[in-house]
Amino acid sequence: MIVSPGRSPLLPFAAVLLTASLYPAGARAELGGTMSGVQADGARMARRVASVTLDSYTRHDLTRANGGMVREFTNAKGQVFAITWSGPGKPDLRTLLGRYFATLQADSGGIGRTMHSLRRPPQVSQPDLQIQTGGHMGWFNGVALIPSLAPRGFAATGLVQEP
């Protein structure tokens, strides 16, 4: 490591530690997570963040640097009950889906899949977890929903994002 005269070799390391401490490990707006994670996601991956409070939930629109959009929906308790994404390039689904990412991987990589089904985008359809992904070259979209966290009367049809 080359260090300028009069400059501590630990300064770059300290800067990394300081930056990491600004984003606590639990502060991610993963599916099923909390409102504090939405704010951290906005700081980490969005160029612009706008929140709109609707009937019984709040929609947080995160415009990514590449022009893509991530929408995170929080209920009255501040829990993320749905996430949608669309645009060029996939967002970090491992971060957005949190513990549910493993379910998406497991359900989409089954041993019994036929060659035809391998061309289909990954989907999860369980009683309390719905994930749909799609897109084409250069454009990706998807929806993830935990119905039990959604406000009473919430219509999941409003989550579909147009390409």
C-alpha atoms as a PDB file:
ATOM      1  CA  MET A   1       0.000   0.000   0.000  1.00  0.00           C
ATOM      2  CA  ILE A   2       1.393   3.398  -0.975  1.00  0.00           C
ATOM      3  CA  VAL A   3       0.824   6.102   1.633  1.00  0.00           C
ATOM      4  CA  SER A   4       1.468   9.793   1.116  1.00  0.00           C
ATOM      5  CA  PRO A   5       3.879  11.406   3.570  1.00  0.00           C
ATOM      6  CA  GLY A   6       2.026  12.722   6.614  1.00  0.00           C
ATOM      7  CA  ARG A   7      -1.059  10.597   5.906  1.00  0.00           C
ATOM      8  CA  SER A   8      -2.077   7.692   8.099  1.00  0.00           C
ATOM      9  CA  PRO A   9      -2.289   4.282   6.358  1.00  0.00           C
ATOM     10  CA  LEU A  10      -5.447   3.607   8.385  1.00  0.00           C
ATOM     11  CA  LEU A  11      -7.387   6.574   6.945  1.00  0.00           C
ATOM     12  CA  PRO A  12      -8.934   4.678   3.980  1.00  0.00           C
ATOM     13  CA  PHE A  13      -9.857   1.802   6.299  1.00  0.00           C
ATOM     14  CA  ALA A  14     -11.473   4.210   8.775  1.00  0.00           C
ATOM     15  CA  ALA A  15     -13.508   5.792   5.967  1.00  0.00           C
ATOM     16  CA  VAL A  16     -14.876   2.384   4.954  1.00  0.00           C
ATOM     17  CA  LEU A  17     -15.807   1.585   8.557  1.00  0.00           C
ATOM     18  CA  LEU A  18     -17.549   4.938   8.970  1.00  0.00           C
ATOM     19  CA  THR A  19     -19.552   4.454   5.784  1.00  0.00           C
ATOM     20  CA  ALA A  20     -20.560   0.940   6.804  1.00  0.00           C
ATOM     21  CA  SER A  21     -21.679   2.145  10.210  1.00  0.00           C
ATOM     22  CA  LEU A  22     -24.101   4.602   8.609  1.00  0.00           C
ATOM     23  CA  TYR A  23     -26.112   1.677   7.243  1.00  0.00           C
ATOM     24  CA  PRO A  24     -26.881  -0.769  10.042  1.00  0.00           C
ATOM     25  CA  ALA A  25     -26.993  -4.425   9.051  1.00  0.00           C
ATOM     26  CA  GLY A  26     -30.729  -4.651   9.763  1.00  0.00           C
ATOM     27  CA  ALA A  27     -31.603  -1.521   7.799  1.00  0.00           C
ATOM     28  CA  ARG A  28     -32.610  -3.002   4.492  1.00  0.00           C
ATOM     29  CA  ALA A  29     -36.071  -2.723   3.019  1.00  0.00           C
ATOM     30  CA  GLU A  30     -36.322  -6.376   2.379  1.00  0.00           C
ATOM     31  CA  LEU A  31     -39.675  -7.992   1.890  1.00  0.00           C
ATOM     32  CA  GLY A  32     -41.198  -8.330   5.357  1.00  0.00           C
ATOM     33  CA  GLY A  33     -38.705  -5.768   6.733  1.00  0.00           C
ATOM     34  CA  THR A  34     -39.330  -2.333   8.213  1.00  0.00           C
ATOM     35  CA  MET A  35     -39.621   1.300   7.150  1.00  0.00           C
ATOM     36  CA  SER A  36     -36.069   2.084   8.278  1.00  0.00           C
ATOM     37  CA  GLY A  37     -34.887  -0.235   5.526  1.00  0.00           C
ATOM     38  CA  VAL A  38     -36.792   1.754   2.897  1.00  0.00           C
ATOM     39  CA  GLN A  39     -34.856   4.860   3.919  1.00  0.00           C
ATOM     40  CA  ALA A  40     -31.551   2.961   3.753  1.00  0.00           C
ATOM     41  CA  ASP A  41     -32.431   1.587   0.301  1.00  0.00           C
ATOM     42  CA  GLY A  42     -33.178   5.106  -0.875  1.00  0.00           C
ATOM     43  CA  ALA A  43     -29.749   6.288   0.256  1.00  0.00           C
ATOM     44  CA  ARG A  44     -27.990   3.217  -1.156  1.00  0.00           C
ATOM     45  CA  MET A  45     -29.552   2.613  -4.567  1.00  0.00           C
ATOM     46  CA  ALA A  46     -31.797   5.474  -5.615  1.00  0.00           C
ATOM     47  CA  ARG A  47     -31.130   8.710  -7.373  1.00  0.00           C
ATOM     48  CA  ARG A  48     -34.556   9.987  -6.323  1.00  0.00           C
ATOM     49  CA  VAL A  49     -37.035   8.866  -3.660  1.00  0.00           C
ATOM     50  CA  ALA A  50     -40.683   9.892  -3.448  1.00  0.00           C
ATOM     51  CA  SER A  51     -43.288   8.559  -1.015  1.00  0.00           C
ATOM     52  CA  VAL A  52     -47.040   8.635  -1.518  1.00  0.00           C
ATOM     53  CA  THR A  53     -49.461   7.773   1.277  1.00  0.00           C
ATOM     54  CA  LEU A  54     -52.553   6.036  -0.035  1.00  0.00           C
ATOM     55  CA  ASP A  55     -55.565   4.601   1.828  1.00  0.00           C
ATOM     56  CA  SER A  56     -53.960   2.164   4.243  1.00  0.00           C
ATOM     57  CA  TYR A  57     -50.382   1.963   3.009  1.00  0.00           C
ATOM     58  CA  THR A  58     -47.474   4.054   1.733  1.00  0.00           C
ATOM     59  CA  ARG A  59     -45.740   3.540  -1.617  1.00  0.00           C
ATOM     60  CA  HIS A  60     -42.069   4.517  -1.797  1.00  0.00           C
ATOM     61  CA  ASP A  61     -40.833   5.100  -5.363  1.00  0.00           C
ATOM     62  CA  LEU A  62     -37.072   4.719  -5.723  1.00  0.00           C
ATOM     63  CA  THR A  63     -35.762   5.846  -9.109  1.00  0.00           C
ATOM     64  CA  ARG A  64     -32.466   4.115  -9.776  1.00  0.00           C
ATOM     65  CA  ALA A  65     -29.476   5.720 -11.510  1.00  0.00           C
ATOM     66  CA  ASN A  66     -30.145   3.649 -14.661  1.00  0.00           C
ATOM     67  CA  GLY A  67     -33.736   4.951 -14.874  1.00  0.00           C
ATOM     68  CA  GLY A  68     -35.263   1.818 -13.394  1.00  0.00           C
ATOM     69  CA  MET A  69     -37.877   1.951 -10.658  1.00  0.00           C
ATOM     70  CA  VAL A  70     -38.204   0.047  -7.397  1.00  0.00           C
ATOM     71  CA  ARG A  71     -41.422   0.486  -5.431  1.00  0.00           C
ATOM     72  CA  GLU A  72     -41.619  -0.605  -1.821  1.00  0.00           C
ATOM     73  CA  PHE A  73     -45.015  -0.746  -0.131  1.00  0.00           C
ATOM     74  CA  THR A  74     -45.327  -0.407   3.658  1.00  0.00           C
ATOM     75  CA  ASN A  75     -48.405  -1.042   5.773  1.00  0.00           C
ATOM     76  CA  ALA A  76     -49.575   1.082   8.741  1.00  0.00           C
ATOM     77  CA  LYS A  77     -47.108  -0.770  11.018  1.00  0.00           C
ATOM     78  CA  GLY A  78     -44.195   0.164   8.731  1.00  0.00           C
ATOM     79  CA  GLN A  79     -43.678  -3.388   7.404  1.00  0.00           C
ATOM     80  CA  VAL A  80     -42.720  -3.889   3.770  1.00  0.00           C
ATOM     81  CA  PHE A  81     -45.515  -6.086   2.377  1.00  0.00           C
ATOM     82  CA  ALA A  82     -44.754  -5.719  -1.338  1.00  0.00           C
ATOM     83  CA  ILE A  83     -41.935  -4.735  -3.675  1.00  0.00           C
ATOM     84  CA  THR A  84     -42.044  -4.167  -7.425  1.00  0.00           C
ATOM     85  CA  TRP A  85     -39.242  -3.432  -9.859  1.00  0.00           C
ATOM     86  CA  SER A  86     -38.935  -2.529 -13.526  1.00  0.00           C
ATOM     87  CA  GLY A  87     -36.325  -1.091 -15.815  1.00  0.00           C
ATOM     88  CA  PRO A  88     -32.979  -1.796 -17.397  1.00  0.00           C
ATOM     89  CA  GLY A  89     -30.911  -4.111 -15.245  1.00  0.00           C
ATOM     90  CA  LYS A  90     -32.157  -6.099 -12.272  1.00  0.00           C
ATOM     91  CA  PRO A  91     -31.928  -4.547  -8.842  1.00  0.00           C
ATOM     92  CA  ASP A  92     -30.210  -6.599  -6.138  1.00  0.00           C
ATOM     93  CA  LEU A  93     -32.981  -9.166  -5.597  1.00  0.00           C
ATOM     94  CA  ARG A  94     -31.044 -10.852  -2.805  1.00  0.00           C
ATOM     95  CA  THR A  95     -31.270  -7.611  -0.807  1.00  0.00           C
ATOM     96  CA  LEU A  96     -34.832  -6.715  -1.824  1.00  0.00           C
ATOM     97  CA  LEU A  97     -36.307 -10.149  -1.165  1.00  0.00           C
ATOM     98  CA  GLY A  98     -34.206 -10.834   1.948  1.00  0.00           C
ATOM     99  CA  ARG A  99     -34.941 -14.255   3.447  1.00  0.00           C
ATOM    100  CA  TYR A 100     -37.426 -14.942   0.621  1.00  0.00           C
ATOM    101  CA  PHE A 101     -34.661 -14.900  -2.007  1.00  0.00           C
ATOM    102  CA  ALA A 102     -33.758 -18.497  -1.099  1.00  0.00           C
ATOM    103  CA  THR A 103     -37.378 -19.506  -1.740  1.00  0.00           C
ATOM    104  CA  LEU A 104     -37.262 -17.895  -5.193  1.00  0.00           C
ATOM    105  CA  GLN A 105     -34.060 -19.760  -5.994  1.00  0.00           C
ATOM    106  CA  ALA A 106     -35.386 -23.081  -4.686  1.00  0.00           C
ATOM    107  CA  ASP A 107     -38.723 -22.849  -6.494  1.00  0.00           C
ATOM    108  CA  SER A 108     -37.158 -21.779  -9.785  1.00  0.00           C
ATOM    109  CA  GLY A 109     -34.320 -24.296  -9.899  1.00  0.00           C
ATOM    110  CA  GLY A 110     -36.176 -27.537  -9.331  1.00  0.00           C
ATOM    111  CA  ILE A 111     -34.648 -30.767 -10.577  1.00  0.00           C
ATOM    112  CA  GLY A 112     -37.792 -31.813 -12.414  1.00  0.00           C
ATOM    113  CA  ARG A 113     -37.965 -28.760 -14.656  1.00  0.00           C
ATOM    114  CA  THR A 114     -38.247 -29.455 -18.347  1.00  0.00           C
ATOM    115  CA  MET A 115     -36.300 -27.618 -21.021  1.00  0.00           C
ATOM    116  CA  HIS A 116     -39.419 -25.596 -21.872  1.00  0.00           C
ATOM    117  CA  SER A 117     -39.928 -24.482 -18.277  1.00  0.00           C
ATOM    118  CA  LEU A 118     -36.281 -23.385 -18.020  1.00  0.00           C
ATOM    119  CA  ARG A 119     -37.114 -20.563 -20.446  1.00  0.00           C
ATOM    120  CA  ARG A 120     -39.812 -19.221 -18.151  1.00  0.00           C
ATOM    121  CA  PRO A 121     -38.949 -16.561 -15.593  1.00  0.00           C
ATOM    122  CA  PRO A 122     -38.769 -17.687 -11.957  1.00  0.00           C
ATOM    123  CA  GLN A 123     -42.080 -17.639 -10.052  1.00  0.00           C
ATOM    124  CA  VAL A 124     -43.174 -18.451  -6.503  1.00  0.00           C
ATOM    125  CA  SER A 125     -46.811 -19.116  -5.727  1.00  0.00           C
ATOM    126  CA  GLN A 126     -47.340 -20.018  -2.092  1.00  0.00           C
ATOM    127  CA  PRO A 127     -50.250 -19.099   0.200  1.00  0.00           C
ATOM    128  CA  ASP A 128     -48.278 -16.325   1.922  1.00  0.00           C
ATOM    129  CA  LEU A 129     -45.657 -15.494  -0.700  1.00  0.00           C
ATOM    130  CA  GLN A 130     -46.150 -14.457  -4.320  1.00  0.00           C
ATOM    131  CA  ILE A 131     -43.176 -13.597  -6.532  1.00  0.00           C
ATOM    132  CA  GLN A 132     -43.369 -13.038 -10.283  1.00  0.00           C
ATOM    133  CA  THR A 133     -40.421 -12.045 -12.420  1.00  0.00           C
ATOM    134  CA  GLY A 134     -40.222 -11.295 -16.104  1.00  0.00           C
ATOM    135  CA  GLY A 135     -38.777  -9.120 -18.794  1.00  0.00           C
ATOM    136  CA  HIS A 136     -36.718  -9.347 -21.923  1.00  0.00           C
ATOM    137  CA  MET A 137     -33.171  -8.506 -22.948  1.00  0.00           C
ATOM    138  CA  GLY A 138     -32.285  -5.226 -21.292  1.00  0.00           C
ATOM    139  CA  TRP A 139     -35.552  -4.857 -19.342  1.00  0.00           C
ATOM    140  CA  PHE A 140     -36.570  -6.625 -16.149  1.00  0.00           C
ATOM    141  CA  ASN A 141     -39.681  -6.436 -14.012  1.00  0.00           C
ATOM    142  CA  GLY A 142     -41.151  -8.227 -11.068  1.00  0.00           C
ATOM    143  CA  VAL A 143     -43.542  -8.252  -8.152  1.00  0.00           C
ATOM    144  CA  ALA A 144     -43.142  -9.749  -4.665  1.00  0.00           C
ATOM    145  CA  LEU A 145     -45.993  -9.797  -2.149  1.00  0.00           C
ATOM    146  CA  ILE A 146     -46.677 -11.166   1.326  1.00  0.00           C
ATOM    147  CA  PRO A 147     -50.511 -11.218   1.427  1.00  0.00           C
ATOM    148  CA  SER A 148     -50.719 -11.595   5.232  1.00  0.00           C
ATOM    149  CA  LEU A 149     -48.885  -8.261   5.720  1.00  0.00           C
ATOM    150  CA  ALA A 150     -50.963  -6.390   3.133  1.00  0.00           C
ATOM    151  CA  PRO A 151     -53.660  -4.056   4.489  1.00  0.00           C
ATOM    152  CA  ARG A 152     -57.220  -5.381   4.540  1.00  0.00           C
ATOM    153  CA  GLY A 153     -58.827  -4.887   1.151  1.00  0.00           C
ATOM    154  CA  PHE A 154     -55.531  -4.335  -0.694  1.00  0.00           C
ATOM    155  CA  ALA A 155     -55.829  -5.361  -4.357  1.00  0.00           C
ATOM    156  CA  ALA A 156     -52.649  -7.056  -5.589  1.00  0.00           C
ATOM    157  CA  THR A 157     -53.612  -6.177  -9.176  1.00  0.00           C
ATOM    158  CA  GLY A 158     -52.374  -2.652  -8.482  1.00  0.00           C
ATOM    159  CA  LEU A 159     -48.814  -3.937  -8.150  1.00  0.00           C
ATOM    160  CA  VAL A 160     -48.273  -4.927 -11.785  1.00  0.00           C
ATOM    161  CA  GLN A 161     -45.722  -2.674 -13.439  1.00  0.00           C
ATOM    162  CA  GLU A 162     -45.857  -2.026 -17.135  1.00  0.00           C
ATOM    163  CA  PRO A 163     -42.614  -2.406 -19.093  1.00  0.00           C
END
